[in-house]
Amino acid sequence: MTQQIATFQQVSKNFGELKAVDNLTFELFPGEAFALLGHNGAGKTTSIRMLLGLLKPDTGQVQLMGHDPYPDDQAMDAIRRRVGVVQEEDRLYLQMTALENLTFWLGLYGFPTKEHMDRAIKSLQQVGLENKAAVKVGTFSKGMRRRLALARALALEPQLLILDEPTVGLDPEARVEIRNLLESLVHQNGLTLLMTSHDLDEVEKLCERMIIIEHGHAILEGKLEDLRKQGKPVLSVELSEPLPASILDQLSAELSALPYVNNLKLEGTALKLTLSDHFDQVPNEVISSLTKHGIKFTGINFEKRTLEDIYLQAMEPEIGGASE
């Protein structure tokens, strides 16, 4: 059986009366891209700090590569060298060049001096900053600093890469380049990725599994493809022309009477039907009703649920307060 990169088993962490993490359980497997999602104050930062050994859980067990990350010993020092972290705040040395930032960082982690230059240049090439190696970081744009922060983490040649809002400050072209790099590292090099982000579109493109937490506890977890199948399907009918109010009223009454139609609404030129059941194809009754009323349409299909749809639906009963 493949050993997990990280595990949380019924982990809780309180700060006084504030419950930051509440009985949280999840696993992180080698070579996967995993997202930890939630509102600000949901418990994401506290969870990552416990994973890195910066906080000790009150109850439950955290393991990183088979070890308790909290003890400050030689075994954990070696493991931490296999974990790259890109925080939302880059914390770079602005008076140093890009290359100096990386070699200094590698020295702090105890890598042999003879390895510093090769590791630094390789990671700068990976993020497209090889031509800026001798340039002081204080002159860098926010996007360039973000890429350098990623290069700093990659210079460790990590087994686990933890990213906090990795695409903040990047232009669209740079986002695609970084995403392609991360996909390559995960799928070809076996890197494990743990990502937190409010950019759900970016998470959807990169991560195949995720957990959504709120008030410190998990409210939804699973593979994205499985989460798409949860919730109520929406059938979208793209109309060729506007519907007269009288026809729309008749159609609404007729379709709403079907036992599997929960809701019907008109959004622009699209008629949206929320169904209670999943169908392999468009129900015949819907087609018959549209045809009966002479309604012309250019397309009819089931909408693919986005991660944003999944996230917002999961959060609906949780809205109203935050903690961390």
C-alpha atoms as a PDB file:
ATOM      1  CA  MET A   1       0.000   0.000   0.000  1.00  0.00           C
ATOM      2  CA  THR A   2       1.329   3.452  -0.914  1.00  0.00           C
ATOM      3  CA  GLN A   3       2.387   5.438   2.136  1.00  0.00           C
ATOM      4  CA  GLN A   4       0.645   8.768   2.498  1.00  0.00           C
ATOM      5  CA  ILE A   5       2.681  11.945   2.216  1.00  0.00           C
ATOM      6  CA  ALA A   6       0.616  13.498   4.995  1.00  0.00           C
ATOM      7  CA  THR A   7      -2.293  12.545   7.230  1.00  0.00           C
ATOM      8  CA  PHE A   8      -4.623  14.353   9.589  1.00  0.00           C
ATOM      9  CA  GLN A   9      -6.519  12.059  11.950  1.00  0.00           C
ATOM     10  CA  GLN A  10      -9.279  13.740  13.986  1.00  0.00           C
ATOM     11  CA  VAL A  11      -7.117  16.816  14.514  1.00  0.00           C
ATOM     12  CA  SER A  12      -8.320  19.761  16.599  1.00  0.00           C
ATOM     13  CA  LYS A  13      -6.623  23.018  17.578  1.00  0.00           C
ATOM     14  CA  ASN A  14      -7.999  25.735  19.839  1.00  0.00           C
ATOM     15  CA  PHE A  15      -6.756  29.220  20.633  1.00  0.00           C
ATOM     16  CA  GLY A  16      -8.443  29.948  23.933  1.00  0.00           C
ATOM     17  CA  GLU A  17     -12.157  29.623  23.273  1.00  0.00           C
ATOM     18  CA  LEU A  18     -11.650  29.840  19.522  1.00  0.00           C
ATOM     19  CA  LYS A  19     -11.794  26.462  17.771  1.00  0.00           C
ATOM     20  CA  ALA A  20      -9.566  26.920  14.719  1.00  0.00           C
ATOM     21  CA  VAL A  21      -9.508  23.283  13.575  1.00  0.00           C
ATOM     22  CA  ASP A  22     -12.254  20.889  14.594  1.00  0.00           C
ATOM     23  CA  ASN A  23     -11.819  17.107  14.299  1.00  0.00           C
ATOM     24  CA  LEU A  24     -10.262  17.382  10.830  1.00  0.00           C
ATOM     25  CA  THR A  25      -9.318  14.218   8.935  1.00  0.00           C
ATOM     26  CA  PHE A  26      -7.781  13.939   5.456  1.00  0.00           C
ATOM     27  CA  GLU A  27      -4.941  12.227   3.611  1.00  0.00           C
ATOM     28  CA  LEU A  28      -2.448  13.400   1.010  1.00  0.00           C
ATOM     29  CA  PHE A  29      -1.026  10.810  -1.383  1.00  0.00           C
ATOM     30  CA  PRO A  30       2.197  10.802  -3.438  1.00  0.00           C
ATOM     31  CA  GLY A  31       2.011  12.373  -6.874  1.00  0.00           C
ATOM     32  CA  GLU A  32      -1.361  14.074  -6.493  1.00  0.00           C
ATOM     33  CA  ALA A  33      -2.476  17.691  -6.643  1.00  0.00           C
ATOM     34  CA  PHE A  34      -4.710  18.336  -3.628  1.00  0.00           C
ATOM     35  CA  ALA A  35      -6.533  21.551  -2.732  1.00  0.00           C
ATOM     36  CA  LEU A  36      -7.387  22.767   0.769  1.00  0.00           C
ATOM     37  CA  LEU A  37     -10.263  25.204   0.290  1.00  0.00           C
ATOM     38  CA  GLY A  38     -12.334  27.468   2.499  1.00  0.00           C
ATOM     39  CA  HIS A  39     -13.139  31.064   3.373  1.00  0.00           C
ATOM     40  CA  ASN A  40     -10.615  33.272   5.151  1.00  0.00           C
ATOM     41  CA  GLY A  41     -10.636  32.073   8.745  1.00  0.00           C
ATOM     42  CA  ALA A  42     -11.788  28.558   7.874  1.00  0.00           C
ATOM     43  CA  GLY A  43      -8.732  26.893   9.410  1.00  0.00           C
ATOM     44  CA  LYS A  44      -6.496  26.395   6.354  1.00  0.00           C
ATOM     45  CA  THR A  45      -3.467  28.295   7.670  1.00  0.00           C
ATOM     46  CA  THR A  46      -3.647  26.639  11.083  1.00  0.00           C
ATOM     47  CA  SER A  47      -3.805  23.220   9.389  1.00  0.00           C
ATOM     48  CA  ILE A  48      -0.731  23.920   7.271  1.00  0.00           C
ATOM     49  CA  ARG A  49       1.194  25.261  10.270  1.00  0.00           C
ATOM     50  CA  MET A  50       0.465  22.022  12.126  1.00  0.00           C
ATOM     51  CA  LEU A  51       1.566  19.999   9.093  1.00  0.00           C
ATOM     52  CA  LEU A  52       4.874  21.888   9.046  1.00  0.00           C
ATOM     53  CA  GLY A  53       5.407  21.373  12.775  1.00  0.00           C
ATOM     54  CA  LEU A  54       4.973  25.057  13.626  1.00  0.00           C
ATOM     55  CA  LEU A  55       1.957  24.327  15.829  1.00  0.00           C
ATOM     56  CA  LYS A  56       1.120  21.295  17.918  1.00  0.00           C
ATOM     57  CA  PRO A  57      -2.434  19.924  17.676  1.00  0.00           C
ATOM     58  CA  ASP A  58      -4.467  19.786  20.890  1.00  0.00           C
ATOM     59  CA  THR A  59      -5.954  16.424  19.950  1.00  0.00           C
ATOM     60  CA  GLY A  60      -5.585  13.980  17.082  1.00  0.00           C
ATOM     61  CA  GLN A  61      -2.541  13.053  15.055  1.00  0.00           C
ATOM     62  CA  VAL A  62      -0.674  14.805  12.240  1.00  0.00           C
ATOM     63  CA  GLN A  63       1.937  12.927  10.241  1.00  0.00           C
ATOM     64  CA  LEU A  64       4.287  14.190   7.554  1.00  0.00           C
ATOM     65  CA  MET A  65       6.029  11.472   5.546  1.00  0.00           C
ATOM     66  CA  GLY A  66       5.395   9.007   8.347  1.00  0.00           C
ATOM     67  CA  HIS A  67       6.661  11.218  11.197  1.00  0.00           C
ATOM     68  CA  ASP A  68       5.169  13.550  13.773  1.00  0.00           C
ATOM     69  CA  PRO A  69       6.244  16.960  12.389  1.00  0.00           C
ATOM     70  CA  TYR A  70       6.267  18.785  15.721  1.00  0.00           C
ATOM     71  CA  PRO A  71       9.471  17.490  17.389  1.00  0.00           C
ATOM     72  CA  ASP A  72      12.495  19.564  16.399  1.00  0.00           C
ATOM     73  CA  ASP A  73      14.976  16.762  15.762  1.00  0.00           C
ATOM     74  CA  GLN A  74      17.353  15.618  13.043  1.00  0.00           C
ATOM     75  CA  ALA A  75      14.806  13.267  11.469  1.00  0.00           C
ATOM     76  CA  MET A  76      12.335  16.105  10.978  1.00  0.00           C
ATOM     77  CA  ASP A  77      15.060  18.459   9.741  1.00  0.00           C
ATOM     78  CA  ALA A  78      15.757  15.979   6.928  1.00  0.00           C
ATOM     79  CA  ILE A  79      12.043  15.706   6.115  1.00  0.00           C
ATOM     80  CA  ARG A  80      11.552  19.481   6.050  1.00  0.00           C
ATOM     81  CA  ARG A  81      14.246  19.703   3.377  1.00  0.00           C
ATOM     82  CA  ARG A  82      11.875  17.651   1.199  1.00  0.00           C
ATOM     83  CA  VAL A  83       9.033  20.165   1.634  1.00  0.00           C
ATOM     84  CA  GLY A  84       8.889  23.358  -0.431  1.00  0.00           C
ATOM     85  CA  VAL A  85       6.578  26.145   0.716  1.00  0.00           C
ATOM     86  CA  VAL A  86       5.360  29.192  -1.201  1.00  0.00           C
ATOM     87  CA  GLN A  87       3.505  31.508   1.158  1.00  0.00           C
ATOM     88  CA  GLU A  88       1.139  34.282   0.103  1.00  0.00           C
ATOM     89  CA  GLU A  89       3.758  36.762   1.359  1.00  0.00           C
ATOM     90  CA  ASP A  90       6.919  36.157  -0.638  1.00  0.00           C
ATOM     91  CA  ARG A  91       9.420  37.314   2.041  1.00  0.00           C
ATOM     92  CA  LEU A  92      12.315  37.762  -0.344  1.00  0.00           C
ATOM     93  CA  TYR A  93      15.493  39.751   0.283  1.00  0.00           C
ATOM     94  CA  LEU A  94      15.006  42.822  -1.898  1.00  0.00           C
ATOM     95  CA  GLN A  95      18.656  44.021  -1.771  1.00  0.00           C
ATOM     96  CA  MET A  96      19.898  40.651  -3.025  1.00  0.00           C
ATOM     97  CA  THR A  97      19.815  39.400  -6.593  1.00  0.00           C
ATOM     98  CA  ALA A  98      17.537  36.541  -7.574  1.00  0.00           C
ATOM     99  CA  LEU A  99      20.477  34.130  -7.580  1.00  0.00           C
ATOM    100  CA  GLU A 100      21.710  35.346  -4.190  1.00  0.00           C
ATOM    101  CA  ASN A 101      18.259  34.832  -2.694  1.00  0.00           C
ATOM    102  CA  LEU A 102      18.247  31.210  -3.784  1.00  0.00           C
ATOM    103  CA  THR A 103      21.815  30.333  -2.761  1.00  0.00           C
ATOM    104  CA  PHE A 104      21.286  31.981   0.643  1.00  0.00           C
ATOM    105  CA  TRP A 105      18.083  29.985   1.132  1.00  0.00           C
ATOM    106  CA  LEU A 106      19.800  26.729   0.181  1.00  0.00           C
ATOM    107  CA  GLY A 107      22.516  27.481   2.722  1.00  0.00           C
ATOM    108  CA  LEU A 108      19.932  27.925   5.479  1.00  0.00           C
ATOM    109  CA  TYR A 109      18.573  24.474   4.636  1.00  0.00           C
ATOM    110  CA  GLY A 110      22.014  22.942   4.966  1.00  0.00           C
ATOM    111  CA  PHE A 111      22.604  21.887   1.383  1.00  0.00           C
ATOM    112  CA  PRO A 112      26.272  21.490   0.396  1.00  0.00           C
ATOM    113  CA  THR A 113      27.741  24.704  -1.029  1.00  0.00           C
ATOM    114  CA  LYS A 114      28.808  22.923  -4.222  1.00  0.00           C
ATOM    115  CA  GLU A 115      25.119  22.201  -4.991  1.00  0.00           C
ATOM    116  CA  HIS A 116      23.855  25.754  -4.508  1.00  0.00           C
ATOM    117  CA  MET A 117      24.597  27.148  -7.956  1.00  0.00           C
ATOM    118  CA  ASP A 118      23.239  24.189  -9.948  1.00  0.00           C
ATOM    119  CA  ARG A 119      20.035  24.014  -7.894  1.00  0.00           C
ATOM    120  CA  ALA A 120      19.489  27.786  -8.075  1.00  0.00           C
ATOM    121  CA  ILE A 121      20.030  28.075 -11.834  1.00  0.00           C
ATOM    122  CA  LYS A 122      17.810  25.062 -12.524  1.00  0.00           C
ATOM    123  CA  SER A 123      14.931  26.478 -10.485  1.00  0.00           C
ATOM    124  CA  LEU A 124      15.279  29.926 -12.124  1.00  0.00           C
ATOM    125  CA  GLN A 125      15.035  28.222 -15.516  1.00  0.00           C
ATOM    126  CA  GLN A 126      11.930  26.344 -14.389  1.00  0.00           C
ATOM    127  CA  VAL A 127      10.075  29.583 -13.628  1.00  0.00           C
ATOM    128  CA  GLY A 128      11.446  31.564 -16.582  1.00  0.00           C
ATOM    129  CA  LEU A 129      13.724  33.900 -14.614  1.00  0.00           C
ATOM    130  CA  GLU A 130      17.126  32.658 -15.772  1.00  0.00           C
ATOM    131  CA  ASN A 131      17.786  36.014 -17.490  1.00  0.00           C
ATOM    132  CA  LYS A 132      17.119  37.877 -14.218  1.00  0.00           C
ATOM    133  CA  ALA A 133      19.575  35.927 -12.057  1.00  0.00           C
ATOM    134  CA  ALA A 134      21.868  38.917 -11.486  1.00  0.00           C
ATOM    135  CA  VAL A 135      19.079  41.483 -11.026  1.00  0.00           C
ATOM    136  CA  LYS A 136      18.181  42.782  -7.567  1.00  0.00           C
ATOM    137  CA  VAL A 137      14.784  41.555  -6.432  1.00  0.00           C
ATOM    138  CA  GLY A 138      13.736  45.045  -5.323  1.00  0.00           C
ATOM    139  CA  THR A 139      13.300  45.931  -9.003  1.00  0.00           C
ATOM    140  CA  PHE A 140      11.035  42.929  -9.695  1.00  0.00           C
ATOM    141  CA  SER A 141       7.324  43.226 -10.370  1.00  0.00           C
ATOM    142  CA  LYS A 142       4.918  41.408  -8.057  1.00  0.00           C
ATOM    143  CA  GLY A 143       4.518  38.632 -10.603  1.00  0.00           C
ATOM    144  CA  MET A 144       8.291  38.180 -10.940  1.00  0.00           C
ATOM    145  CA  ARG A 145       8.650  38.015  -7.161  1.00  0.00           C
ATOM    146  CA  ARG A 146       5.929  35.381  -7.089  1.00  0.00           C
ATOM    147  CA  ARG A 147       7.828  33.283  -9.602  1.00  0.00           C
ATOM    148  CA  LEU A 148      11.059  33.717  -7.637  1.00  0.00           C
ATOM    149  CA  ALA A 149       9.302  32.519  -4.475  1.00  0.00           C
ATOM    150  CA  LEU A 150       8.268  29.406  -6.392  1.00  0.00           C
ATOM    151  CA  ALA A 151      11.842  28.970  -7.659  1.00  0.00           C
ATOM    152  CA  ARG A 152      13.072  29.154  -4.057  1.00  0.00           C
ATOM    153  CA  ALA A 153      10.773  26.274  -3.112  1.00  0.00           C
ATOM    154  CA  LEU A 154      11.681  24.243  -6.206  1.00  0.00           C
ATOM    155  CA  ALA A 155      15.404  24.669  -5.518  1.00  0.00           C
ATOM    156  CA  LEU A 156      14.943  22.205  -2.655  1.00  0.00           C
ATOM    157  CA  GLU A 157      13.803  19.616  -5.238  1.00  0.00           C
ATOM    158  CA  PRO A 158      10.940  18.846  -2.857  1.00  0.00           C
ATOM    159  CA  GLN A 159       8.789  15.775  -2.562  1.00  0.00           C
ATOM    160  CA  LEU A 160       5.901  17.922  -1.292  1.00  0.00           C
ATOM    161  CA  LEU A 161       5.175  21.462  -2.501  1.00  0.00           C
ATOM    162  CA  ILE A 162       2.782  23.618  -0.463  1.00  0.00           C
ATOM    163  CA  LEU A 163       1.377  26.632  -2.304  1.00  0.00           C
ATOM    164  CA  ASP A 164      -0.622  29.439  -0.677  1.00  0.00           C
ATOM    165  CA  GLU A 165      -2.354  31.531  -3.366  1.00  0.00           C
ATOM    166  CA  PRO A 166       0.318  30.673  -5.969  1.00  0.00           C
ATOM    167  CA  THR A 167      -1.070  32.746  -8.848  1.00  0.00           C
ATOM    168  CA  VAL A 168      -1.595  36.030  -6.976  1.00  0.00           C
ATOM    169  CA  GLY A 169      -0.064  38.886  -8.974  1.00  0.00           C
ATOM    170  CA  LEU A 170       0.598  36.852 -12.108  1.00  0.00           C
ATOM    171  CA  ASP A 171      -0.636  37.929 -15.536  1.00  0.00           C
ATOM    172  CA  PRO A 172      -2.654  35.375 -17.557  1.00  0.00           C
ATOM    173  CA  GLU A 173       0.358  34.212 -19.576  1.00  0.00           C
ATOM    174  CA  ALA A 174       2.455  33.653 -16.456  1.00  0.00           C
ATOM    175  CA  ARG A 175      -0.422  31.781 -14.805  1.00  0.00           C
ATOM    176  CA  VAL A 176      -0.546  29.340 -17.688  1.00  0.00           C
ATOM    177  CA  GLU A 177       3.237  28.877 -17.624  1.00  0.00           C
ATOM    178  CA  ILE A 178       3.285  28.202 -13.874  1.00  0.00           C
ATOM    179  CA  ARG A 179       0.283  25.864 -14.118  1.00  0.00           C
ATOM    180  CA  ASN A 180       1.937  23.897 -16.927  1.00  0.00           C
ATOM    181  CA  LEU A 181       5.129  23.655 -14.866  1.00  0.00           C
ATOM    182  CA  LEU A 182       3.254  22.395 -11.813  1.00  0.00           C
ATOM    183  CA  GLU A 183       1.286  19.878 -13.883  1.00  0.00           C
ATOM    184  CA  SER A 184       4.541  18.564 -15.330  1.00  0.00           C
ATOM    185  CA  LEU A 185       6.140  18.269 -11.887  1.00  0.00           C
ATOM    186  CA  VAL A 186       3.112  16.376 -10.547  1.00  0.00           C
ATOM    187  CA  HIS A 187       2.423  14.062 -13.479  1.00  0.00           C
ATOM    188  CA  GLN A 188       5.951  13.453 -14.760  1.00  0.00           C
ATOM    189  CA  ASN A 189       8.169  13.906 -11.704  1.00  0.00           C
ATOM    190  CA  GLY A 190       5.798  12.566  -9.048  1.00  0.00           C
ATOM    191  CA  LEU A 191       5.721  15.781  -7.015  1.00  0.00           C
ATOM    192  CA  THR A 192       2.904  16.022  -4.467  1.00  0.00           C
ATOM    193  CA  LEU A 193       1.093  19.365  -4.414  1.00  0.00           C
ATOM    194  CA  LEU A 194      -0.939  20.859  -1.574  1.00  0.00           C
ATOM    195  CA  MET A 195      -2.575  24.097  -2.664  1.00  0.00           C
ATOM    196  CA  THR A 196      -4.744  26.720  -0.996  1.00  0.00           C
ATOM    197  CA  SER A 197      -6.335  29.368  -3.188  1.00  0.00           C
ATOM    198  CA  HIS A 198      -9.418  31.507  -3.641  1.00  0.00           C
ATOM    199  CA  ASP A 199      -8.920  31.261  -7.402  1.00  0.00           C
ATOM    200  CA  LEU A 200     -11.276  28.322  -7.899  1.00  0.00           C
ATOM    201  CA  ASP A 201     -10.840  28.346 -11.668  1.00  0.00           C
ATOM    202  CA  GLU A 202      -7.102  27.791 -11.246  1.00  0.00           C
ATOM    203  CA  VAL A 203      -7.681  25.065  -8.638  1.00  0.00           C
ATOM    204  CA  GLU A 204     -10.125  23.343 -10.972  1.00  0.00           C
ATOM    205  CA  LYS A 205      -7.529  23.249 -13.748  1.00  0.00           C
ATOM    206  CA  LEU A 206      -4.759  21.875 -11.533  1.00  0.00           C
ATOM    207  CA  CYS A 207      -6.151  19.769  -8.681  1.00  0.00           C
ATOM    208  CA  GLU A 208      -7.952  16.458  -9.025  1.00  0.00           C
ATOM    209  CA  ARG A 209      -8.879  16.070  -5.345  1.00  0.00           C
ATOM    210  CA  MET A 210      -9.835  18.555  -2.649  1.00  0.00           C
ATOM    211  CA  ILE A 211     -11.327  19.199   0.752  1.00  0.00           C
ATOM    212  CA  ILE A 212     -13.523  22.175   1.673  1.00  0.00           C
ATOM    213  CA  ILE A 213     -13.398  23.265   5.301  1.00  0.00           C
ATOM    214  CA  GLU A 214     -15.350  25.841   7.272  1.00  0.00           C
ATOM    215  CA  HIS A 215     -15.228  26.675  10.975  1.00  0.00           C
ATOM    216  CA  GLY A 216     -12.311  24.253  11.159  1.00  0.00           C
ATOM    217  CA  HIS A 217     -14.126  21.113  10.036  1.00  0.00           C
ATOM    218  CA  ALA A 218     -14.563  19.381   6.698  1.00  0.00           C
ATOM    219  CA  ILE A 219     -17.850  19.940   4.899  1.00  0.00           C
ATOM    220  CA  LEU A 220     -16.948  18.259   1.596  1.00  0.00           C
ATOM    221  CA  GLU A 221     -14.097  16.097   0.324  1.00  0.00           C
ATOM    222  CA  GLY A 222     -13.395  13.997  -2.755  1.00  0.00           C
ATOM    223  CA  LYS A 223     -12.234  13.832  -6.337  1.00  0.00           C
ATOM    224  CA  LEU A 224     -13.463  16.694  -8.499  1.00  0.00           C
ATOM    225  CA  GLU A 225     -15.038  14.297 -11.013  1.00  0.00           C
ATOM    226  CA  ASP A 226     -17.045  12.691  -8.192  1.00  0.00           C
ATOM    227  CA  LEU A 227     -18.053  16.020  -6.653  1.00  0.00           C
ATOM    228  CA  ARG A 228     -19.434  17.141 -10.024  1.00  0.00           C
ATOM    229  CA  LYS A 229     -21.942  14.269  -9.861  1.00  0.00           C
ATOM    230  CA  GLN A 230     -23.258  15.400  -6.499  1.00  0.00           C
ATOM    231  CA  GLY A 231     -25.948  18.036  -6.279  1.00  0.00           C
ATOM    232  CA  LYS A 232     -28.826  18.644  -8.614  1.00  0.00           C
ATOM    233  CA  PRO A 233     -28.218  18.609 -12.381  1.00  0.00           C
ATOM    234  CA  VAL A 234     -29.163  21.626 -14.478  1.00  0.00           C
ATOM    235  CA  LEU A 235     -30.530  21.256 -18.002  1.00  0.00           C
ATOM    236  CA  SER A 236     -29.861  24.323 -20.169  1.00  0.00           C
ATOM    237  CA  VAL A 237     -31.921  25.121 -23.269  1.00  0.00           C
ATOM    238  CA  GLU A 238     -30.382  27.828 -25.473  1.00  0.00           C
ATOM    239  CA  LEU A 239     -33.293  29.623 -27.146  1.00  0.00           C
ATOM    240  CA  SER A 240     -33.159  30.914 -30.728  1.00  0.00           C
ATOM    241  CA  GLU A 241     -35.434  33.860 -29.966  1.00  0.00           C
ATOM    242  CA  PRO A 242     -37.094  35.528 -26.963  1.00  0.00           C
ATOM    243  CA  LEU A 243     -40.158  33.792 -25.548  1.00  0.00           C
ATOM    244  CA  PRO A 244     -43.458  35.684 -25.292  1.00  0.00           C
ATOM    245  CA  ALA A 245     -44.548  35.955 -21.673  1.00  0.00           C
ATOM    246  CA  SER A 246     -47.704  33.929 -22.320  1.00  0.00           C
ATOM    247  CA  ILE A 247     -45.730  31.015 -23.830  1.00  0.00           C
ATOM    248  CA  LEU A 248     -43.171  31.160 -21.022  1.00  0.00           C
ATOM    249  CA  ASP A 249     -45.957  30.959 -18.410  1.00  0.00           C
ATOM    250  CA  GLN A 250     -47.538  27.943 -20.126  1.00  0.00           C
ATOM    251  CA  LEU A 251     -44.181  26.198 -20.527  1.00  0.00           C
ATOM    252  CA  SER A 252     -43.219  26.879 -16.917  1.00  0.00           C
ATOM    253  CA  ALA A 253     -46.470  25.442 -15.618  1.00  0.00           C
ATOM    254  CA  GLU A 254     -46.157  22.374 -17.821  1.00  0.00           C
ATOM    255  CA  LEU A 255     -42.506  21.600 -17.048  1.00  0.00           C
ATOM    256  CA  SER A 256     -42.821  22.404 -13.340  1.00  0.00           C
ATOM    257  CA  ALA A 257     -45.532  19.761 -13.124  1.00  0.00           C
ATOM    258  CA  LEU A 258     -43.011  17.079 -14.074  1.00  0.00           C
ATOM    259  CA  PRO A 259     -41.952  15.198 -10.911  1.00  0.00           C
ATOM    260  CA  TYR A 260     -38.219  15.590 -11.588  1.00  0.00           C
ATOM    261  CA  VAL A 261     -38.211  19.359 -12.326  1.00  0.00           C
ATOM    262  CA  ASN A 262     -37.445  21.301  -9.141  1.00  0.00           C
ATOM    263  CA  ASN A 263     -37.002  24.752 -10.585  1.00  0.00           C
ATOM    264  CA  LEU A 264     -37.222  26.607 -13.885  1.00  0.00           C
ATOM    265  CA  LYS A 265     -35.871  30.053 -14.698  1.00  0.00           C
ATOM    266  CA  LEU A 266     -34.926  32.146 -17.710  1.00  0.00           C
ATOM    267  CA  GLU A 267     -31.368  33.518 -17.746  1.00  0.00           C
ATOM    268  CA  GLY A 268     -30.865  35.725 -20.793  1.00  0.00           C
ATOM    269  CA  THR A 269     -31.522  33.478 -23.777  1.00  0.00           C
ATOM    270  CA  ALA A 270     -31.154  30.260 -21.788  1.00  0.00           C
ATOM    271  CA  LEU A 271     -33.923  28.341 -20.078  1.00  0.00           C
ATOM    272  CA  LYS A 272     -32.496  26.587 -16.999  1.00  0.00           C
ATOM    273  CA  LEU A 273     -34.214  23.558 -15.475  1.00  0.00           C
ATOM    274  CA  THR A 274     -32.946  22.259 -12.134  1.00  0.00           C
ATOM    275  CA  LEU A 275     -33.711  18.542 -11.930  1.00  0.00           C
ATOM    276  CA  SER A 276     -33.989  16.243  -8.939  1.00  0.00           C
ATOM    277  CA  ASP A 277     -32.530  13.226 -10.757  1.00  0.00           C
ATOM    278  CA  HIS A 278     -29.577  12.535 -13.040  1.00  0.00           C
ATOM    279  CA  PHE A 279     -30.366  11.493 -16.617  1.00  0.00           C
ATOM    280  CA  ASP A 280     -28.140   9.967 -19.278  1.00  0.00           C
ATOM    281  CA  GLN A 281     -30.010  11.964 -21.917  1.00  0.00           C
ATOM    282  CA  VAL A 282     -32.520  14.798 -22.134  1.00  0.00           C
ATOM    283  CA  PRO A 283     -35.935  13.571 -20.897  1.00  0.00           C
ATOM    284  CA  ASN A 284     -38.447  13.067 -23.735  1.00  0.00           C
ATOM    285  CA  GLU A 285     -41.118  15.061 -21.877  1.00  0.00           C
ATOM    286  CA  VAL A 286     -38.944  18.183 -21.993  1.00  0.00           C
ATOM    287  CA  ILE A 287     -38.340  17.858 -25.750  1.00  0.00           C
ATOM    288  CA  SER A 288     -42.049  17.183 -26.344  1.00  0.00           C
ATOM    289  CA  SER A 289     -43.090  20.235 -24.344  1.00  0.00           C
ATOM    290  CA  LEU A 290     -40.692  22.533 -26.221  1.00  0.00           C
ATOM    291  CA  THR A 291     -41.865  21.154 -29.569  1.00  0.00           C
ATOM    292  CA  LYS A 292     -45.533  21.405 -28.609  1.00  0.00           C
ATOM    293  CA  HIS A 293     -45.196  25.151 -27.982  1.00  0.00           C
ATOM    294  CA  GLY A 294     -43.186  25.729 -31.154  1.00  0.00           C
ATOM    295  CA  ILE A 295     -40.126  26.838 -29.238  1.00  0.00           C
ATOM    296  CA  LYS A 296     -36.958  26.973 -31.314  1.00  0.00           C
ATOM    297  CA  PHE A 297     -33.619  26.332 -29.655  1.00  0.00           C
ATOM    298  CA  THR A 298     -30.016  26.074 -30.804  1.00  0.00           C
ATOM    299  CA  GLY A 299     -28.812  23.697 -28.128  1.00  0.00           C
ATOM    300  CA  ILE A 300     -29.879  21.649 -25.131  1.00  0.00           C
ATOM    301  CA  ASN A 301     -27.466  20.010 -22.706  1.00  0.00           C
ATOM    302  CA  PHE A 302     -26.680  19.282 -19.088  1.00  0.00           C
ATOM    303  CA  GLU A 303     -24.428  21.905 -17.560  1.00  0.00           C
ATOM    304  CA  LYS A 304     -21.074  20.741 -16.263  1.00  0.00           C
ATOM    305  CA  ARG A 305     -20.817  21.747 -12.617  1.00  0.00           C
ATOM    306  CA  THR A 306     -17.823  23.963 -11.990  1.00  0.00           C
ATOM    307  CA  LEU A 307     -15.773  23.947  -8.813  1.00  0.00           C
ATOM    308  CA  GLU A 308     -17.325  27.315  -8.016  1.00  0.00           C
ATOM    309  CA  ASP A 309     -20.803  25.731  -8.204  1.00  0.00           C
ATOM    310  CA  ILE A 310     -19.687  22.911  -5.914  1.00  0.00           C
ATOM    311  CA  TYR A 311     -17.987  25.280  -3.479  1.00  0.00           C
ATOM    312  CA  LEU A 312     -20.903  27.716  -3.195  1.00  0.00           C
ATOM    313  CA  GLN A 313     -23.423  24.918  -2.736  1.00  0.00           C
ATOM    314  CA  ALA A 314     -21.254  23.346  -0.026  1.00  0.00           C
ATOM    315  CA  MET A 315     -20.969  26.692   1.752  1.00  0.00           C
ATOM    316  CA  GLU A 316     -24.676  27.547   1.718  1.00  0.00           C
ATOM    317  CA  PRO A 317     -25.535  26.088   5.152  1.00  0.00           C
ATOM    318  CA  GLU A 318     -22.241  27.336   6.605  1.00  0.00           C
ATOM    319  CA  ILE A 319     -22.503  31.034   5.796  1.00  0.00           C
ATOM    320  CA  GLY A 320     -22.611  33.261   8.835  1.00  0.00           C
ATOM    321  CA  GLY A 321     -19.428  33.483  10.836  1.00  0.00           C
ATOM    322  CA  ALA A 322     -15.794  32.504  10.587  1.00  0.00           C
ATOM    323  CA  SER A 323     -13.034  31.204  12.776  1.00  0.00           C
ATOM    324  CA  GLU A 324      -9.308  30.706  12.842  1.00  0.00           C
END
